[in-house]
PDB file of all heavy atoms in Angstrom:
ATOM      1  N   LEU A   1     142.456 138.779 153.221  1.00  0.00           N
ATOM      2  CA  LEU A   1     142.058 138.802 151.819  1.00  0.00           C
ATOM      3  C   LEU A   1     142.372 137.475 151.151  1.00  0.00           C
ATOM      4  O   LEU A   1     143.399 136.841 151.437  1.00  0.00           O
ATOM      5  CB  LEU A   1     142.786 139.933 151.079  1.00  0.00           C
ATOM      6  CG  LEU A   1     142.528 141.351 151.594  1.00  0.00           C
ATOM      7  CD1 LEU A   1     143.387 142.352 150.832  1.00  0.00           C
ATOM      8  CD2 LEU A   1     141.053 141.717 151.479  1.00  0.00           C
ATOM      9  N   ALA A   2     141.519 137.045 150.239  1.00  0.00           N
ATOM     10  CA  ALA A   2     141.728 135.785 149.528  1.00  0.00           C
ATOM     11  C   ALA A   2     142.972 135.881 148.645  1.00  0.00           C
ATOM     12  O   ALA A   2     143.174 136.875 147.945  1.00  0.00           O
ATOM     13  CB  ALA A   2     140.502 135.463 148.668  1.00  0.00           C
ATOM     14  N   GLY A   3     143.789 134.833 148.705  1.00  0.00           N
ATOM     15  CA  GLY A   3     144.975 134.769 147.844  1.00  0.00           C
ATOM     16  C   GLY A   3     146.201 135.450 148.393  1.00  0.00           C
ATOM     17  O   GLY A   3     147.243 135.463 147.728  1.00  0.00           O
ATOM     18  N   LEU A   4     146.109 136.051 149.585  1.00  0.00           N
ATOM     19  CA  LEU A   4     147.258 136.720 150.181  1.00  0.00           C
ATOM     20  C   LEU A   4     147.743 135.947 151.404  1.00  0.00           C
ATOM     21  O   LEU A   4     146.938 135.371 152.148  1.00  0.00           O
ATOM     22  CB  LEU A   4     146.918 138.157 150.595  1.00  0.00           C
ATOM     23  CG  LEU A   4     147.156 139.238 149.534  1.00  0.00           C
ATOM     24  CD1 LEU A   4     146.069 139.175 148.477  1.00  0.00           C
ATOM     25  CD2 LEU A   4     147.218 140.612 150.157  1.00  0.00           C
ATOM     26  N   ARG A   5     149.031 135.936 151.607  1.00  0.00           N
ATOM     27  CA  ARG A   5     149.609 135.316 152.786  1.00  0.00           C
ATOM     28  C   ARG A   5     150.894 136.046 153.160  1.00  0.00           C
ATOM     29  O   ARG A   5     151.486 136.773 152.341  1.00  0.00           O
ATOM     30  CB  ARG A   5     149.923 133.838 152.536  1.00  0.00           C
ATOM     31  CG  ARG A   5     150.949 133.596 151.453  1.00  0.00           C
ATOM     32  CD  ARG A   5     151.360 132.128 151.386  1.00  0.00           C
ATOM     33  NE  ARG A   5     152.241 131.848 150.266  1.00  0.00           N
ATOM     34  CZ  ARG A   5     153.552 132.093 150.262  1.00  0.00           C
ATOM     35  NH1 ARG A   5     154.130 132.614 151.348  1.00  0.00           N
ATOM     36  NH2 ARG A   5     154.283 131.808 149.203  1.00  0.00           N
ATOM     37  N   ALA A   6     151.352 135.843 154.398  1.00  0.00           N
ATOM     38  CA  ALA A   6     152.597 136.453 154.856  1.00  0.00           C
ATOM     39  C   ALA A   6     153.777 135.804 154.144  1.00  0.00           C
ATOM     40  O   ALA A   6     153.803 134.592 153.910  1.00  0.00           O
ATOM     41  CB  ALA A   6     152.746 136.283 156.369  1.00  0.00           C
ATOM     42  N   ALA A   7     154.762 136.618 153.790  1.00  0.00           N
ATOM     43  CA  ALA A   7     155.945 136.120 153.087  1.00  0.00           C
ATOM     44  C   ALA A   7     156.852 135.350 154.040  1.00  0.00           C
ATOM     45  O   ALA A   7     156.879 135.600 155.245  1.00  0.00           O
ATOM     46  CB  ALA A   7     156.706 137.280 152.455  1.00  0.00           C
ATOM     47  N   THR A   8     157.600 134.429 153.480  1.00  0.00           N
ATOM     48  CA  THR A   8     158.640 133.726 154.234  1.00  0.00           C
ATOM     49  C   THR A   8     159.957 134.486 154.072  1.00  0.00           C
ATOM     50  O   THR A   8     160.090 135.337 153.181  1.00  0.00           O
ATOM     51  CB  THR A   8     158.806 132.291 153.707  1.00  0.00           C
ATOM     52  OG1 THR A   8     159.123 132.343 152.313  1.00  0.00           O
ATOM     53  CG2 THR A   8     157.514 131.506 153.904  1.00  0.00           C
ATOM     54  N   PRO A   9     160.970 134.219 154.925  1.00  0.00           N
ATOM     55  CA  PRO A   9     162.247 134.937 154.800  1.00  0.00           C
ATOM     56  C   PRO A   9     162.856 134.791 153.405  1.00  0.00           C
ATOM     57  O   PRO A   9     162.967 133.684 152.873  1.00  0.00           O
ATOM     58  CB  PRO A   9     163.138 134.268 155.859  1.00  0.00           C
ATOM     59  CG  PRO A   9     162.175 133.774 156.894  1.00  0.00           C
ATOM     60  CD  PRO A   9     160.964 133.338 156.111  1.00  0.00           C
ATOM     61  N   GLY A  10     163.217 135.922 152.807  1.00  0.00           N
ATOM     62  CA  GLY A  10     163.871 135.921 151.509  1.00  0.00           C
ATOM     63  C   GLY A  10     162.957 135.702 150.327  1.00  0.00           C
ATOM     64  O   GLY A  10     163.432 135.601 149.188  1.00  0.00           O
ATOM     65  N   GLU A  11     161.630 135.639 150.537  1.00  0.00           N
ATOM     66  CA  GLU A  11     160.729 135.289 149.433  1.00  0.00           C
ATOM     67  C   GLU A  11     160.666 136.376 148.371  1.00  0.00           C
ATOM     68  O   GLU A  11     160.563 136.084 147.168  1.00  0.00           O
ATOM     69  CB  GLU A  11     159.334 134.966 149.960  1.00  0.00           C
ATOM     70  CG  GLU A  11     158.433 134.375 148.886  1.00  0.00           C
ATOM     71  CD  GLU A  11     157.196 133.698 149.444  1.00  0.00           C
ATOM     72  OE1 GLU A  11     156.983 133.759 150.672  1.00  0.00           O
ATOM     73  OE2 GLU A  11     156.438 133.117 148.652  1.00  0.00           O
ATOM     74  N   PHE A  12     160.749 137.639 148.761  1.00  0.00           N
ATOM     75  CA  PHE A  12     160.732 138.711 147.764  1.00  0.00           C
ATOM     76  C   PHE A  12     161.963 138.611 146.857  1.00  0.00           C
ATOM     77  O   PHE A  12     161.859 138.701 145.632  1.00  0.00           O
ATOM     78  CB  PHE A  12     160.693 140.077 148.444  1.00  0.00           C
ATOM     79  CG  PHE A  12     159.350 140.441 149.014  1.00  0.00           C
ATOM     80  CD1 PHE A  12     159.018 140.131 150.321  1.00  0.00           C
ATOM     81  CD2 PHE A  12     158.409 141.089 148.234  1.00  0.00           C
ATOM     82  CE1 PHE A  12     157.789 140.459 150.844  1.00  0.00           C
ATOM     83  CE2 PHE A  12     157.157 141.436 148.743  1.00  0.00           C
ATOM     84  CZ  PHE A  12     156.848 141.114 150.058  1.00  0.00           C
ATOM     85  N   ALA A  13     163.125 138.416 147.465  1.00  0.00           N
ATOM     86  CA  ALA A  13     164.351 138.306 146.672  1.00  0.00           C
ATOM     87  C   ALA A  13     164.336 137.047 145.820  1.00  0.00           C
ATOM     88  O   ALA A  13     164.820 137.049 144.680  1.00  0.00           O
ATOM     89  CB  ALA A  13     165.569 138.301 147.599  1.00  0.00           C
ATOM     90  N   ARG A  14     163.779 135.968 146.351  1.00  0.00           N
ATOM     91  CA  ARG A  14     163.733 134.731 145.570  1.00  0.00           C
ATOM     92  C   ARG A  14     162.815 134.887 144.361  1.00  0.00           C
ATOM     93  O   ARG A  14     163.119 134.361 143.278  1.00  0.00           O
ATOM     94  CB  ARG A  14     163.260 133.575 146.446  1.00  0.00           C
ATOM     95  CG  ARG A  14     163.336 132.234 145.733  1.00  0.00           C
ATOM     96  CD  ARG A  14     163.399 131.091 146.695  1.00  0.00           C
ATOM     97  NE  ARG A  14     163.595 129.822 146.005  1.00  0.00           N
ATOM     98  CZ  ARG A  14     163.923 128.698 146.619  1.00  0.00           C
ATOM     99  NH1 ARG A  14     164.111 128.691 147.923  1.00  0.00           N
ATOM    100  NH2 ARG A  14     164.085 127.580 145.944  1.00  0.00           N
ATOM    101  N   ARG A  15     161.723 135.608 144.513  1.00  0.00           N
ATOM    102  CA  ARG A  15     160.857 135.863 143.361  1.00  0.00           C
ATOM    103  C   ARG A  15     161.563 136.746 142.338  1.00  0.00           C
ATOM    104  O   ARG A  15     161.400 136.558 141.126  1.00  0.00           O
ATOM    105  CB  ARG A  15     159.552 136.510 143.836  1.00  0.00           C
ATOM    106  CG  ARG A  15     158.658 135.554 144.610  1.00  0.00           C
ATOM    107  CD  ARG A  15     157.308 136.145 144.945  1.00  0.00           C
ATOM    108  NE  ARG A  15     156.472 135.161 145.611  1.00  0.00           N
ATOM    109  CZ  ARG A  15     155.136 135.142 145.571  1.00  0.00           C
ATOM    110  NH1 ARG A  15     154.487 136.069 144.880  1.00  0.00           N
ATOM    111  NH2 ARG A  15     154.456 134.209 146.195  1.00  0.00           N
ATOM    112  N   ALA A  16     162.342 137.709 142.827  1.00  0.00           N
ATOM    113  CA  ALA A  16     163.117 138.545 141.909  1.00  0.00           C
ATOM    114  C   ALA A  16     164.097 137.687 141.111  1.00  0.00           C
ATOM    115  O   ALA A  16     164.284 137.893 139.900  1.00  0.00           O
ATOM    116  CB  ALA A  16     163.870 139.627 142.687  1.00  0.00           C
ATOM    117  N   PHE A  17     164.722 136.716 141.768  1.00  0.00           N
ATOM    118  CA  PHE A  17     165.635 135.812 141.078  1.00  0.00           C
ATOM    119  C   PHE A  17     164.878 134.945 140.073  1.00  0.00           C
ATOM    120  O   PHE A  17     165.291 134.792 138.917  1.00  0.00           O
ATOM    121  CB  PHE A  17     166.368 134.936 142.094  1.00  0.00           C
ATOM    122  CG  PHE A  17     167.130 133.801 141.482  1.00  0.00           C
ATOM    123  CD1 PHE A  17     168.336 134.018 140.849  1.00  0.00           C
ATOM    124  CD2 PHE A  17     166.609 132.501 141.519  1.00  0.00           C
ATOM    125  CE1 PHE A  17     169.031 132.962 140.263  1.00  0.00           C
ATOM    126  CE2 PHE A  17     167.295 131.451 140.948  1.00  0.00           C
ATOM    127  CZ  PHE A  17     168.507 131.682 140.311  1.00  0.00           C
ATOM    128  N   ALA A  18     163.750 134.367 140.494  1.00  0.00           N
ATOM    129  CA  ALA A  18     162.975 133.481 139.620  1.00  0.00           C
ATOM    130  C   ALA A  18     162.468 134.215 138.388  1.00  0.00           C
ATOM    131  O   ALA A  18     162.349 133.623 137.305  1.00  0.00           O
ATOM    132  CB  ALA A  18     161.805 132.879 140.398  1.00  0.00           C
ATOM    133  N   ASN A  19     162.203 135.502 138.527  1.00  0.00           N
ATOM    134  CA  ASN A  19     161.681 136.297 137.415  1.00  0.00           C
ATOM    135  C   ASN A  19     162.771 137.026 136.637  1.00  0.00           C
ATOM    136  O   ASN A  19     162.470 137.890 135.807  1.00  0.00           O
ATOM    137  CB  ASN A  19     160.652 137.313 137.936  1.00  0.00           C
ATOM    138  CG  ASN A  19     159.400 136.635 138.466  1.00  0.00           C
ATOM    139  OD1 ASN A  19     158.936 135.642 137.896  1.00  0.00           O
ATOM    140  ND2 ASN A  19     158.852 137.136 139.562  1.00  0.00           N
ATOM    141  N   GLY A  20     164.021 136.689 136.921  1.00  0.00           N
ATOM    142  CA  GLY A  20     165.117 137.233 136.137  1.00  0.00           C
ATOM    143  C   GLY A  20     165.496 138.660 136.460  1.00  0.00           C
ATOM    144  O   GLY A  20     166.234 139.295 135.695  1.00  0.00           O
ATOM    145  N   ARG A  21     165.029 139.184 137.595  1.00  0.00           N
ATOM    146  CA  ARG A  21     165.380 140.565 137.951  1.00  0.00           C
ATOM    147  C   ARG A  21     166.776 140.656 138.559  1.00  0.00           C
ATOM    148  O   ARG A  21     167.427 141.689 138.478  1.00  0.00           O
ATOM    149  CB  ARG A  21     164.349 141.140 138.931  1.00  0.00           C
ATOM    150  CG  ARG A  21     162.926 141.147 138.408  1.00  0.00           C
ATOM    151  CD  ARG A  21     162.794 141.985 137.160  1.00  0.00           C
ATOM    152  NE  ARG A  21     163.021 143.402 137.456  1.00  0.00           N
ATOM    153  CZ  ARG A  21     163.087 144.353 136.524  1.00  0.00           C
ATOM    154  NH1 ARG A  21     162.985 144.028 135.243  1.00  0.00           N
ATOM    155  NH2 ARG A  21     163.284 145.604 136.876  1.00  0.00           N
ATOM    156  N   ILE A  22     167.221 139.601 139.208  1.00  0.00           N
ATOM    157  CA  ILE A  22     168.562 139.539 139.772  1.00  0.00           C
ATOM    158  C   ILE A  22     169.112 138.135 139.537  1.00  0.00           C
ATOM    159  O   ILE A  22     168.338 137.196 139.284  1.00  0.00           O
ATOM    160  CB  ILE A  22     168.595 139.844 141.291  1.00  0.00           C
ATOM    161  CG1 ILE A  22     167.697 138.871 142.063  1.00  0.00           C
ATOM    162  CG2 ILE A  22     168.200 141.288 141.567  1.00  0.00           C
ATOM    163  CD1 ILE A  22     167.773 139.019 143.570  1.00  0.00           C
ATOM    164  N   ASP A  23     170.444 137.988 139.601  1.00  0.00           N
ATOM    165  CA  ASP A  23     171.042 136.661 139.555  1.00  0.00           C
ATOM    166  C   ASP A  23     171.591 136.320 140.935  1.00  0.00           C
ATOM    167  O   ASP A  23     171.414 137.083 141.894  1.00  0.00           O
ATOM    168  CB  ASP A  23     172.114 136.569 138.462  1.00  0.00           C
ATOM    169  CG  ASP A  23     173.291 137.517 138.700  1.00  0.00           C
ATOM    170  OD1 ASP A  23     173.501 137.937 139.855  1.00  0.00           O
ATOM    171  OD2 ASP A  23     173.996 137.839 137.729  1.00  0.00           O
ATOM    172  N   LEU A  24     172.265 135.183 141.050  1.00  0.00           N
ATOM    173  CA  LEU A  24     172.719 134.736 142.364  1.00  0.00           C
ATOM    174  C   LEU A  24     173.768 135.666 142.958  1.00  0.00           C
ATOM    175  O   LEU A  24     173.826 135.861 144.174  1.00  0.00           O
ATOM    176  CB  LEU A  24     173.285 133.319 142.273  1.00  0.00           C
ATOM    177  CG  LEU A  24     172.262 132.188 142.148  1.00  0.00           C
ATOM    178  CD1 LEU A  24     172.961 130.840 142.190  1.00  0.00           C
ATOM    179  CD2 LEU A  24     171.216 132.263 143.256  1.00  0.00           C
TER     180      LEU A  24
END
């Protein structure tokens, strides 16, 4: 599908951090 790609290690958690859902 256009615009989709496989995630890299830790990418879901890093997006959660970038979006303020979790801190370090």
